[in-house]
């Protein structure tokens, strides 16, 4: 499916870039900020026996990055549906009916 108009395409990409930049700022703040800049302050706190600054540098930034990927996928699916450029080729009702037919025979 294509965009309904040039304005729709521009709005879609502006929202996409805004979302990406927001998630990248969060990722940078967690990975660089908590893992490098604030490591001494965070090391005063312990998490599972490890200093929190060390945990963020070794594990926490990876977990946050994976969570941000999940958030991006969910948000982009909603954005795609709002602008009617989603990848589903069938409407939800039709999809349910086709799955029902496939598994009942």
PDB file of N, CA and C in Angstrom:
ATOM      1  N   UNK A   1       0.837  -1.177   0.000  1.00  0.00           N
ATOM      2  CA  UNK A   1       0.000   0.000   0.000  1.00  0.00           C
ATOM      3  C   UNK A   1       0.881   1.239   0.000  1.00  0.00           C
ATOM      4  N   UNK A   2       0.430   2.224  -0.661  1.00  0.00           N
ATOM      5  CA  UNK A   2       1.157   3.480  -0.698  1.00  0.00           C
ATOM      6  C   UNK A   2       0.474   4.527   0.158  1.00  0.00           C
ATOM      7  N   UNK A   3       1.103   5.671   0.234  1.00  0.00           N
ATOM      8  CA  UNK A   3       0.534   6.768   0.998  1.00  0.00           C
ATOM      9  C   UNK A   3      -0.602   7.414   0.222  1.00  0.00           C
ATOM     10  N   UNK A   4      -1.571   7.934   0.955  1.00  0.00           N
ATOM     11  CA  UNK A   4      -2.726   8.572   0.322  1.00  0.00           C
ATOM     12  C   UNK A   4      -2.343   9.884  -0.353  1.00  0.00           C
ATOM     13  N   UNK A   5      -1.360  10.583   0.217  1.00  0.00           N
ATOM     14  CA  UNK A   5      -0.921  11.847  -0.360  1.00  0.00           C
ATOM     15  C   UNK A   5       0.527  12.104   0.040  1.00  0.00           C
ATOM     16  N   UNK A   6       1.109  13.089  -0.591  1.00  0.00           N
ATOM     17  CA  UNK A   6       2.475  13.487  -0.252  1.00  0.00           C
ATOM     18  C   UNK A   6       2.559  14.000   1.181  1.00  0.00           C
ATOM     19  N   UNK A   7       1.517  14.678   1.635  1.00  0.00           N
ATOM     20  CA  UNK A   7       1.476  15.191   3.011  1.00  0.00           C
ATOM     21  C   UNK A   7       1.466  14.024   4.012  1.00  0.00           C
ATOM     22  N   UNK A   8       0.707  12.967   3.698  1.00  0.00           N
ATOM     23  CA  UNK A   8       0.697  11.788   4.561  1.00  0.00           C
ATOM     24  C   UNK A   8       2.092  11.184   4.672  1.00  0.00           C
ATOM     25  N   UNK A   9       2.786  11.095   3.550  1.00  0.00           N
ATOM     26  CA  UNK A   9       4.139  10.539   3.544  1.00  0.00           C
ATOM     27  C   UNK A   9       5.081  11.392   4.386  1.00  0.00           C
ATOM     28  N   UNK A  10       4.996  12.702   4.239  1.00  0.00           N
ATOM     29  CA  UNK A  10       5.848  13.595   5.033  1.00  0.00           C
ATOM     30  C   UNK A  10       5.547  13.477   6.523  1.00  0.00           C
ATOM     31  N   UNK A  11       4.265  13.459   6.880  1.00  0.00           N
ATOM     32  CA  UNK A  11       3.876  13.334   8.290  1.00  0.00           C
ATOM     33  C   UNK A  11       4.350  12.006   8.872  1.00  0.00           C
ATOM     34  N   UNK A  12       4.215  10.946   8.090  1.00  0.00           N
ATOM     35  CA  UNK A  12       4.638   9.614   8.528  1.00  0.00           C
ATOM     36  C   UNK A  12       6.132   9.601   8.844  1.00  0.00           C
ATOM     37  N   UNK A  13       6.943  10.123   7.936  1.00  0.00           N
ATOM     38  CA  UNK A  13       8.386  10.106   8.138  1.00  0.00           C
ATOM     39  C   UNK A  13       8.829  11.051   9.244  1.00  0.00           C
ATOM     40  N   UNK A  14       8.114  12.153   9.424  1.00  0.00           N
ATOM     41  CA  UNK A  14       8.441  13.042  10.552  1.00  0.00           C
ATOM     42  C   UNK A  14       8.181  12.334  11.880  1.00  0.00           C
ATOM     43  N   UNK A  15       7.051  11.634  11.976  1.00  0.00           N
ATOM     44  CA  UNK A  15       6.751  10.893  13.211  1.00  0.00           C
ATOM     45  C   UNK A  15       7.733   9.752  13.415  1.00  0.00           C
ATOM     46  N   UNK A  16       8.103   9.087  12.336  1.00  0.00           N
ATOM     47  CA  UNK A  16       9.066   7.994  12.411  1.00  0.00           C
ATOM     48  C   UNK A  16      10.414   8.507  12.920  1.00  0.00           C
ATOM     49  N   UNK A  17      10.890   9.607  12.350  1.00  0.00           N
ATOM     50  CA  UNK A  17      12.172  10.179  12.787  1.00  0.00           C
ATOM     51  C   UNK A  17      12.118  10.673  14.225  1.00  0.00           C
ATOM     52  N   UNK A  18      10.992  11.273  14.617  1.00  0.00           N
ATOM     53  CA  UNK A  18      10.841  11.742  15.998  1.00  0.00           C
ATOM     54  C   UNK A  18      10.923  10.565  16.971  1.00  0.00           C
ATOM     55  N   UNK A  19      10.249   9.479  16.642  1.00  0.00           N
ATOM     56  CA  UNK A  19      10.285   8.283  17.482  1.00  0.00           C
ATOM     57  C   UNK A  19      11.697   7.724  17.554  1.00  0.00           C
ATOM     58  N   UNK A  20      12.364   7.608  16.405  1.00  0.00           N
ATOM     59  CA  UNK A  20      13.724   7.081  16.387  1.00  0.00           C
ATOM     60  C   UNK A  20      14.681   7.936  17.199  1.00  0.00           C
ATOM     61  N   UNK A  21      14.601   9.240  17.039  1.00  0.00           N
ATOM     62  CA  UNK A  21      15.492  10.134  17.790  1.00  0.00           C
ATOM     63  C   UNK A  21      15.231  10.054  19.291  1.00  0.00           C
ATOM     64  N   UNK A  22      13.969   9.961  19.677  1.00  0.00           N
ATOM     65  CA  UNK A  22      13.632   9.826  21.096  1.00  0.00           C
ATOM     66  C   UNK A  22      14.229   8.552  21.672  1.00  0.00           C
ATOM     67  N   UNK A  23      14.065   7.438  20.966  1.00  0.00           N
ATOM     68  CA  UNK A  23      14.594   6.168  21.450  1.00  0.00           C
ATOM     69  C   UNK A  23      16.118   6.158  21.464  1.00  0.00           C
ATOM     70  N   UNK A  24      16.746   6.800  20.484  1.00  0.00           N
ATOM     71  CA  UNK A  24      18.211   6.879  20.476  1.00  0.00           C
ATOM     72  C   UNK A  24      18.739   7.735  21.624  1.00  0.00           C
ATOM     73  N   UNK A  25      18.035   8.799  21.956  1.00  0.00           N
ATOM     74  CA  UNK A  25      18.444   9.638  23.097  1.00  0.00           C
ATOM     75  C   UNK A  25      18.350   8.839  24.391  1.00  0.00           C
ATOM     76  N   UNK A  26      17.269   8.076  24.548  1.00  0.00           N
ATOM     77  CA  UNK A  26      17.128   7.225  25.744  1.00  0.00           C
ATOM     78  C   UNK A  26      18.254   6.206  25.799  1.00  0.00           C
ATOM     79  N   UNK A  27      18.540   5.560  24.665  1.00  0.00           N
ATOM     80  CA  UNK A  27      19.607   4.567  24.617  1.00  0.00           C
ATOM     81  C   UNK A  27      20.962   5.194  24.957  1.00  0.00           C
ATOM     82  N   UNK A  28      21.235   6.375  24.410  1.00  0.00           N
ATOM     83  CA  UNK A  28      22.491   7.057  24.695  1.00  0.00           C
ATOM     84  C   UNK A  28      22.579   7.428  26.176  1.00  0.00           C
ATOM     85  N   UNK A  29      21.489   7.943  26.723  1.00  0.00           N
ATOM     86  CA  UNK A  29      21.494   8.337  28.135  1.00  0.00           C
ATOM     87  C   UNK A  29      21.765   7.147  29.043  1.00  0.00           C
ATOM     88  N   UNK A  30      21.167   6.014  28.718  1.00  0.00           N
ATOM     89  CA  UNK A  30      21.366   4.827  29.555  1.00  0.00           C
ATOM     90  C   UNK A  30      22.757   4.247  29.349  1.00  0.00           C
ATOM     91  N   UNK A  31      23.159   4.053  28.101  1.00  0.00           N
ATOM     92  CA  UNK A  31      24.445   3.383  27.859  1.00  0.00           C
ATOM     93  C   UNK A  31      25.637   4.266  28.208  1.00  0.00           C
ATOM     94  N   UNK A  32      25.659   5.488  27.733  1.00  0.00           N
ATOM     95  CA  UNK A  32      26.796   6.362  27.995  1.00  0.00           C
ATOM     96  C   UNK A  32      26.663   7.062  29.350  1.00  0.00           C
ATOM     97  N   UNK A  33      25.453   7.562  29.615  1.00  0.00           N
ATOM     98  CA  UNK A  33      25.246   8.293  30.871  1.00  0.00           C
ATOM     99  C   UNK A  33      25.398   7.417  32.095  1.00  0.00           C
ATOM    100  N   UNK A  34      24.657   6.315  32.131  1.00  0.00           N
ATOM    101  CA  UNK A  34      24.692   5.440  33.317  1.00  0.00           C
ATOM    102  C   UNK A  34      25.907   4.527  33.321  1.00  0.00           C
ATOM    103  N   UNK A  35      26.393   4.138  32.152  1.00  0.00           N
ATOM    104  CA  UNK A  35      27.521   3.217  32.086  1.00  0.00           C
ATOM    105  C   UNK A  35      28.877   3.875  32.131  1.00  0.00           C
ATOM    106  N   UNK A  36      28.958   5.188  31.853  1.00  0.00           N
ATOM    107  CA  UNK A  36      30.258   5.867  31.810  1.00  0.00           C
ATOM    108  C   UNK A  36      30.268   7.112  32.702  1.00  0.00           C
ATOM    109  N   UNK A  37      29.368   8.059  32.446  1.00  0.00           N
ATOM    110  CA  UNK A  37      29.405   9.333  33.156  1.00  0.00           C
ATOM    111  C   UNK A  37      29.003   9.226  34.625  1.00  0.00           C
ATOM    112  N   UNK A  38      27.961   8.485  34.906  1.00  0.00           N
ATOM    113  CA  UNK A  38      27.442   8.389  36.279  1.00  0.00           C
ATOM    114  C   UNK A  38      27.849   7.107  36.986  1.00  0.00           C
ATOM    115  N   UNK A  39      28.859   6.426  36.467  1.00  0.00           N
ATOM    116  CA  UNK A  39      29.225   5.120  37.008  1.00  0.00           C
ATOM    117  C   UNK A  39      29.644   5.204  38.487  1.00  0.00           C
ATOM    118  N   UNK A  40      30.365   6.228  38.872  1.00  0.00           N
ATOM    119  CA  UNK A  40      30.822   6.326  40.268  1.00  0.00           C
ATOM    120  C   UNK A  40      29.647   6.521  41.227  1.00  0.00           C
ATOM    121  N   UNK A  41      28.699   7.368  40.840  1.00  0.00           N
ATOM    122  CA  UNK A  41      27.526   7.583  41.686  1.00  0.00           C
ATOM    123  C   UNK A  41      26.659   6.325  41.765  1.00  0.00           C
ATOM    124  N   UNK A  42      26.512   5.639  40.635  1.00  0.00           N
ATOM    125  CA  UNK A  42      25.685   4.432  40.614  1.00  0.00           C
ATOM    126  C   UNK A  42      26.350   3.251  41.306  1.00  0.00           C
ATOM    127  N   UNK A  43      27.667   3.256  41.401  1.00  0.00           N
ATOM    128  CA  UNK A  43      28.369   2.166  42.077  1.00  0.00           C
ATOM    129  C   UNK A  43      28.089   2.133  43.574  1.00  0.00           C
ATOM    130  N   UNK A  44      27.548   3.222  44.116  1.00  0.00           N
ATOM    131  CA  UNK A  44      27.178   3.242  45.533  1.00  0.00           C
ATOM    132  C   UNK A  44      25.957   2.358  45.792  1.00  0.00           C
ATOM    133  N   UNK A  45      25.214   2.020  44.752  1.00  0.00           N
ATOM    134  CA  UNK A  45      24.020   1.186  44.863  1.00  0.00           C
ATOM    135  C   UNK A  45      24.368  -0.206  44.357  1.00  0.00           C
ATOM    136  N   UNK A  46      23.865  -1.225  45.052  1.00  0.00           N
ATOM    137  CA  UNK A  46      24.135  -2.609  44.627  1.00  0.00           C
ATOM    138  C   UNK A  46      22.871  -3.248  44.073  1.00  0.00           C
ATOM    139  N   UNK A  47      23.047  -4.050  43.031  1.00  0.00           N
ATOM    140  CA  UNK A  47      21.946  -4.778  42.405  1.00  0.00           C
ATOM    141  C   UNK A  47      22.391  -6.225  42.238  1.00  0.00           C
ATOM    142  N   UNK A  48      21.786  -7.126  42.988  1.00  0.00           N
ATOM    143  CA  UNK A  48      22.152  -8.539  42.906  1.00  0.00           C
ATOM    144  C   UNK A  48      23.599  -8.792  43.288  1.00  0.00           C
ATOM    145  N   UNK A  49      24.132  -8.002  44.187  1.00  0.00           N
ATOM    146  CA  UNK A  49      25.508  -8.171  44.619  1.00  0.00           C
ATOM    147  C   UNK A  49      26.527  -7.410  43.784  1.00  0.00           C
ATOM    148  N   UNK A  50      26.094  -6.842  42.690  1.00  0.00           N
ATOM    149  CA  UNK A  50      27.001  -6.090  41.823  1.00  0.00           C
ATOM    150  C   UNK A  50      26.728  -4.598  41.952  1.00  0.00           C
ATOM    151  N   UNK A  51      27.765  -3.819  41.743  1.00  0.00           N
ATOM    152  CA  UNK A  51      27.594  -2.369  41.749  1.00  0.00           C
ATOM    153  C   UNK A  51      26.723  -1.980  40.556  1.00  0.00           C
ATOM    154  N   UNK A  52      25.797  -1.052  40.777  1.00  0.00           N
ATOM    155  CA  UNK A  52      24.835  -0.684  39.747  1.00  0.00           C
ATOM    156  C   UNK A  52      25.509  -0.069  38.521  1.00  0.00           C
ATOM    157  N   UNK A  53      26.548   0.720  38.702  1.00  0.00           N
ATOM    158  CA  UNK A  53      27.271   1.295  37.570  1.00  0.00           C
ATOM    159  C   UNK A  53      27.897   0.214  36.703  1.00  0.00           C
ATOM    160  N   UNK A  54      28.497  -0.780  37.344  1.00  0.00           N
ATOM    161  CA  UNK A  54      29.068  -1.904  36.608  1.00  0.00           C
ATOM    162  C   UNK A  54      27.968  -2.669  35.870  1.00  0.00           C
ATOM    163  N   UNK A  55      26.828  -2.878  36.555  1.00  0.00           N
ATOM    164  CA  UNK A  55      25.717  -3.618  35.947  1.00  0.00           C
ATOM    165  C   UNK A  55      25.214  -2.907  34.694  1.00  0.00           C
ATOM    166  N   UNK A  56      25.049  -1.557  34.769  1.00  0.00           N
ATOM    167  CA  UNK A  56      24.600  -0.811  33.603  1.00  0.00           C
ATOM    168  C   UNK A  56      25.607  -0.909  32.464  1.00  0.00           C
ATOM    169  N   UNK A  57      26.876  -0.831  32.783  1.00  0.00           N
ATOM    170  CA  UNK A  57      27.904  -0.887  31.745  1.00  0.00           C
ATOM    171  C   UNK A  57      27.947  -2.264  31.090  1.00  0.00           C
ATOM    172  N   UNK A  58      27.689  -3.319  31.851  1.00  0.00           N
ATOM    173  CA  UNK A  58      27.812  -4.666  31.313  1.00  0.00           C
ATOM    174  C   UNK A  58      26.504  -5.265  30.805  1.00  0.00           C
ATOM    175  N   UNK A  59      25.395  -5.023  31.515  1.00  0.00           N
ATOM    176  CA  UNK A  59      24.136  -5.682  31.186  1.00  0.00           C
ATOM    177  C   UNK A  59      22.980  -4.722  30.944  1.00  0.00           C
ATOM    178  N   UNK A  60      22.862  -3.737  31.780  1.00  0.00           N
ATOM    179  CA  UNK A  60      21.691  -2.866  31.763  1.00  0.00           C
ATOM    180  C   UNK A  60      21.449  -2.167  30.449  1.00  0.00           C
ATOM    181  N   UNK A  61      22.497  -1.663  29.834  1.00  0.00           N
ATOM    182  CA  UNK A  61      22.316  -0.957  28.564  1.00  0.00           C
ATOM    183  C   UNK A  61      21.850  -1.915  27.471  1.00  0.00           C
ATOM    184  N   UNK A  62      22.268  -3.168  27.543  1.00  0.00           N
ATOM    185  CA  UNK A  62      21.815  -4.159  26.559  1.00  0.00           C
ATOM    186  C   UNK A  62      20.337  -4.446  26.754  1.00  0.00           C
ATOM    187  N   UNK A  63      19.903  -4.624  28.001  1.00  0.00           N
ATOM    188  CA  UNK A  63      18.481  -4.874  28.267  1.00  0.00           C
ATOM    189  C   UNK A  63      17.620  -3.689  27.848  1.00  0.00           C
ATOM    190  N   UNK A  64      18.086  -2.492  28.132  1.00  0.00           N
ATOM    191  CA  UNK A  64      17.340  -1.294  27.726  1.00  0.00           C
ATOM    192  C   UNK A  64      17.272  -1.220  26.202  1.00  0.00           C
ATOM    193  N   UNK A  65      18.368  -1.536  25.522  1.00  0.00           N
ATOM    194  CA  UNK A  65      18.380  -1.516  24.065  1.00  0.00           C
ATOM    195  C   UNK A  65      17.360  -2.515  23.501  1.00  0.00           C
ATOM    196  N   UNK A  66      17.305  -3.718  24.055  1.00  0.00           N
ATOM    197  CA  UNK A  66      16.329  -4.706  23.602  1.00  0.00           C
ATOM    198  C   UNK A  66      14.899  -4.239  23.867  1.00  0.00           C
ATOM    199  N   UNK A  67      14.670  -3.620  25.015  1.00  0.00           N
ATOM    200  CA  UNK A  67      13.333  -3.088  25.316  1.00  0.00           C
ATOM    201  C   UNK A  67      12.962  -1.976  24.336  1.00  0.00           C
ATOM    202  N   UNK A  68      13.932  -1.149  23.964  1.00  0.00           N
ATOM    203  CA  UNK A  68      13.670  -0.077  23.000  1.00  0.00           C
ATOM    204  C   UNK A  68      13.323  -0.630  21.623  1.00  0.00           C
ATOM    205  N   UNK A  69      13.908  -1.755  21.251  1.00  0.00           N
ATOM    206  CA  UNK A  69      13.558  -2.393  19.981  1.00  0.00           C
ATOM    207  C   UNK A  69      12.100  -2.831  20.010  1.00  0.00           C
ATOM    208  N   UNK A  70      11.678  -3.430  21.122  1.00  0.00           N
ATOM    209  CA  UNK A  70      10.281  -3.864  21.263  1.00  0.00           C
ATOM    210  C   UNK A  70       9.347  -2.658  21.194  1.00  0.00           C
ATOM    211  N   UNK A  71       9.697  -1.587  21.894  1.00  0.00           N
ATOM    212  CA  UNK A  71       8.882  -0.365  21.866  1.00  0.00           C
ATOM    213  C   UNK A  71       8.801   0.176  20.445  1.00  0.00           C
ATOM    214  N   UNK A  72       9.926   0.180  19.732  1.00  0.00           N
ATOM    215  CA  UNK A  72       9.943   0.691  18.354  1.00  0.00           C
ATOM    216  C   UNK A  72       9.017  -0.127  17.454  1.00  0.00           C
ATOM    217  N   UNK A  73       9.068  -1.439  17.577  1.00  0.00           N
ATOM    218  CA  UNK A  73       8.214  -2.296  16.742  1.00  0.00           C
ATOM    219  C   UNK A  73       6.738  -2.028  17.029  1.00  0.00           C
ATOM    220  N   UNK A  74       6.374  -1.945  18.296  1.00  0.00           N
ATOM    221  CA  UNK A  74       4.976  -1.703  18.665  1.00  0.00           C
ATOM    222  C   UNK A  74       4.512  -0.345  18.162  1.00  0.00           C
ATOM    223  N   UNK A  75       5.318   0.688  18.399  1.00  0.00           N
ATOM    224  CA  UNK A  75       4.950   2.045  17.977  1.00  0.00           C
ATOM    225  C   UNK A  75       4.878   2.157  16.454  1.00  0.00           C
ATOM    226  N   UNK A  76       5.803   1.521  15.741  1.00  0.00           N
ATOM    227  CA  UNK A  76       5.789   1.605  14.282  1.00  0.00           C
ATOM    228  C   UNK A  76       4.601   0.851  13.697  1.00  0.00           C
ATOM    229  N   UNK A  77       4.221  -0.259  14.300  1.00  0.00           N
ATOM    230  CA  UNK A  77       3.029  -0.963  13.826  1.00  0.00           C
ATOM    231  C   UNK A  77       1.789  -0.081  13.974  1.00  0.00           C
ATOM    232  N   UNK A  78       1.692   0.638  15.093  1.00  0.00           N
ATOM    233  CA  UNK A  78       0.569   1.558  15.287  1.00  0.00           C
ATOM    234  C   UNK A  78       0.620   2.698  14.267  1.00  0.00           C
ATOM    235  N   UNK A  79       1.820   3.221  14.043  1.00  0.00           N
ATOM    236  CA  UNK A  79       1.987   4.309  13.076  1.00  0.00           C
ATOM    237  C   UNK A  79       1.640   3.837  11.665  1.00  0.00           C
ATOM    238  N   UNK A  80       2.075   2.644  11.305  1.00  0.00           N
ATOM    239  CA  UNK A  80       1.757   2.091   9.989  1.00  0.00           C
ATOM    240  C   UNK A  80       0.254   1.954   9.800  1.00  0.00           C
ATOM    241  N   UNK A  81      -0.433   1.498  10.825  1.00  0.00           N
ATOM    242  CA  UNK A  81      -1.886   1.348  10.721  1.00  0.00           C
ATOM    243  C   UNK A  81      -2.581   2.711  10.628  1.00  0.00           C
ATOM    244  N   UNK A  82      -2.073   3.702  11.377  1.00  0.00           N
ATOM    245  CA  UNK A  82      -2.680   5.025  11.340  1.00  0.00           C
ATOM    246  C   UNK A  82      -2.591   5.629   9.936  1.00  0.00           C
ATOM    247  N   UNK A  83      -1.475   5.406   9.249  1.00  0.00           N
ATOM    248  CA  UNK A  83      -1.289   5.953   7.909  1.00  0.00           C
ATOM    249  C   UNK A  83      -1.634   4.954   6.808  1.00  0.00           C
ATOM    250  N   UNK A  84      -2.189   3.821   7.205  1.00  0.00           N
ATOM    251  CA  UNK A  84      -2.658   2.789   6.285  1.00  0.00           C
ATOM    252  C   UNK A  84      -1.553   2.289   5.352  1.00  0.00           C
ATOM    253  N   UNK A  85      -0.369   2.058   5.915  1.00  0.00           N
ATOM    254  CA  UNK A  85       0.736   1.477   5.158  1.00  0.00           C
ATOM    255  C   UNK A  85       1.239   0.202   5.832  1.00  0.00           C
ATOM    256  N   UNK A  86       0.374  -0.425   6.620  1.00  0.00           N
ATOM    257  CA  UNK A  86       0.765  -1.647   7.311  1.00  0.00           C
ATOM    258  C   UNK A  86       0.936  -2.780   6.320  1.00  0.00           C
ATOM    259  N   UNK A  87       1.619  -3.831   6.747  1.00  0.00           N
ATOM    260  CA  UNK A  87       1.971  -4.925   5.855  1.00  0.00           C
ATOM    261  C   UNK A  87       0.922  -6.017   5.791  1.00  0.00           C
ATOM    262  N   UNK A  88      -0.114  -5.955   6.597  1.00  0.00           N
ATOM    263  CA  UNK A  88      -1.162  -6.949   6.544  1.00  0.00           C
ATOM    264  C   UNK A  88      -1.903  -6.796   5.226  1.00  0.00           C
ATOM    265  N   UNK A  89      -2.032  -7.891   4.514  1.00  0.00           N
ATOM    266  CA  UNK A  89      -2.704  -7.841   3.216  1.00  0.00           C
ATOM    267  C   UNK A  89      -4.194  -8.097   3.333  1.00  0.00           C
ATOM    268  N   UNK A  90      -4.606  -8.595   4.495  1.00  0.00           N
ATOM    269  CA  UNK A  90      -6.012  -8.874   4.697  1.00  0.00           C
ATOM    270  C   UNK A  90      -6.497  -8.072   5.899  1.00  0.00           C
ATOM    271  N   UNK A  91      -7.756  -7.765   5.894  1.00  0.00           N
ATOM    272  CA  UNK A  91      -8.358  -7.107   7.032  1.00  0.00           C
ATOM    273  C   UNK A  91      -8.441  -8.109   8.178  1.00  0.00           C
ATOM    274  N   UNK A  92      -8.443  -7.674   9.439  1.00  0.00           N
ATOM    275  CA  UNK A  92      -8.471  -8.604  10.566  1.00  0.00           C
ATOM    276  C   UNK A  92      -9.624  -9.606  10.504  1.00  0.00           C
ATOM    277  N   UNK A  93     -10.817  -9.175  10.098  1.00  0.00           N
ATOM    278  CA  UNK A  93     -11.955 -10.086  10.011  1.00  0.00           C
ATOM    279  C   UNK A  93     -11.692 -11.163   8.966  1.00  0.00           C
ATOM    280  N   UNK A  94     -11.200 -10.749   7.801  1.00  0.00           N
ATOM    281  CA  UNK A  94     -10.902 -11.691   6.729  1.00  0.00           C
ATOM    282  C   UNK A  94      -9.790 -12.638   7.137  1.00  0.00           C
ATOM    283  N   UNK A  95      -8.808 -12.150   7.856  1.00  0.00           N
ATOM    284  CA  UNK A  95      -7.706 -12.978   8.309  1.00  0.00           C
ATOM    285  C   UNK A  95      -8.212 -14.054   9.253  1.00  0.00           C
ATOM    286  N   UNK A  96      -9.075 -13.684  10.181  1.00  0.00           N
ATOM    287  CA  UNK A  96      -9.638 -14.659  11.116  1.00  0.00           C
ATOM    288  C   UNK A  96     -10.439 -15.723  10.398  1.00  0.00           C
ATOM    289  N   UNK A  97     -11.211 -15.311   9.415  1.00  0.00           N
ATOM    290  CA  UNK A  97     -12.016 -16.268   8.655  1.00  0.00           C
ATOM    291  C   UNK A  97     -11.130 -17.207   7.853  1.00  0.00           C
ATOM    292  N   UNK A  98     -10.061 -16.693   7.245  1.00  0.00           N
ATOM    293  CA  UNK A  98      -9.176 -17.555   6.447  1.00  0.00           C
ATOM    294  C   UNK A  98      -8.427 -18.529   7.349  1.00  0.00           C
ATOM    295  N   UNK A  99      -8.020 -18.099   8.542  1.00  0.00           N
ATOM    296  CA  UNK A  99      -7.368 -19.009   9.474  1.00  0.00           C
ATOM    297  C   UNK A  99      -8.344 -20.081   9.964  1.00  0.00           C
ATOM    298  N   UNK A 100      -9.563 -19.678  10.214  1.00  0.00           N
ATOM    299  CA  UNK A 100     -10.580 -20.616  10.658  1.00  0.00           C
ATOM    300  C   UNK A 100     -10.830 -21.679   9.602  1.00  0.00           C
ATOM    301  N   UNK A 101     -10.936 -21.270   8.333  1.00  0.00           N
ATOM    302  CA  UNK A 101     -11.145 -22.218   7.245  1.00  0.00           C
ATOM    303  C   UNK A 101      -9.959 -23.160   7.101  1.00  0.00           C
ATOM    304  N   UNK A 102      -8.746 -22.621   7.260  1.00  0.00           N
ATOM    305  CA  UNK A 102      -7.544 -23.429   7.078  1.00  0.00           C
ATOM    306  C   UNK A 102      -7.434 -24.520   8.128  1.00  0.00           C
ATOM    307  N   UNK A 103      -7.797 -24.210   9.366  1.00  0.00           N
ATOM    308  CA  UNK A 103      -7.591 -25.166  10.454  1.00  0.00           C
ATOM    309  C   UNK A 103      -8.828 -26.014  10.759  1.00  0.00           C
ATOM    310  N   UNK A 104      -9.954 -25.759  10.151  1.00  0.00           N
ATOM    311  CA  UNK A 104     -11.141 -26.586  10.386  1.00  0.00           C
ATOM    312  C   UNK A 104     -11.278 -27.674   9.335  1.00  0.00           C
ATOM    313  N   UNK A 105     -10.526 -27.604   8.256  1.00  0.00           N
ATOM    314  CA  UNK A 105     -10.652 -28.624   7.194  1.00  0.00           C
ATOM    315  C   UNK A 105      -9.586 -29.637   7.312  1.00  0.00           C
TER     316      UNK A 105
END
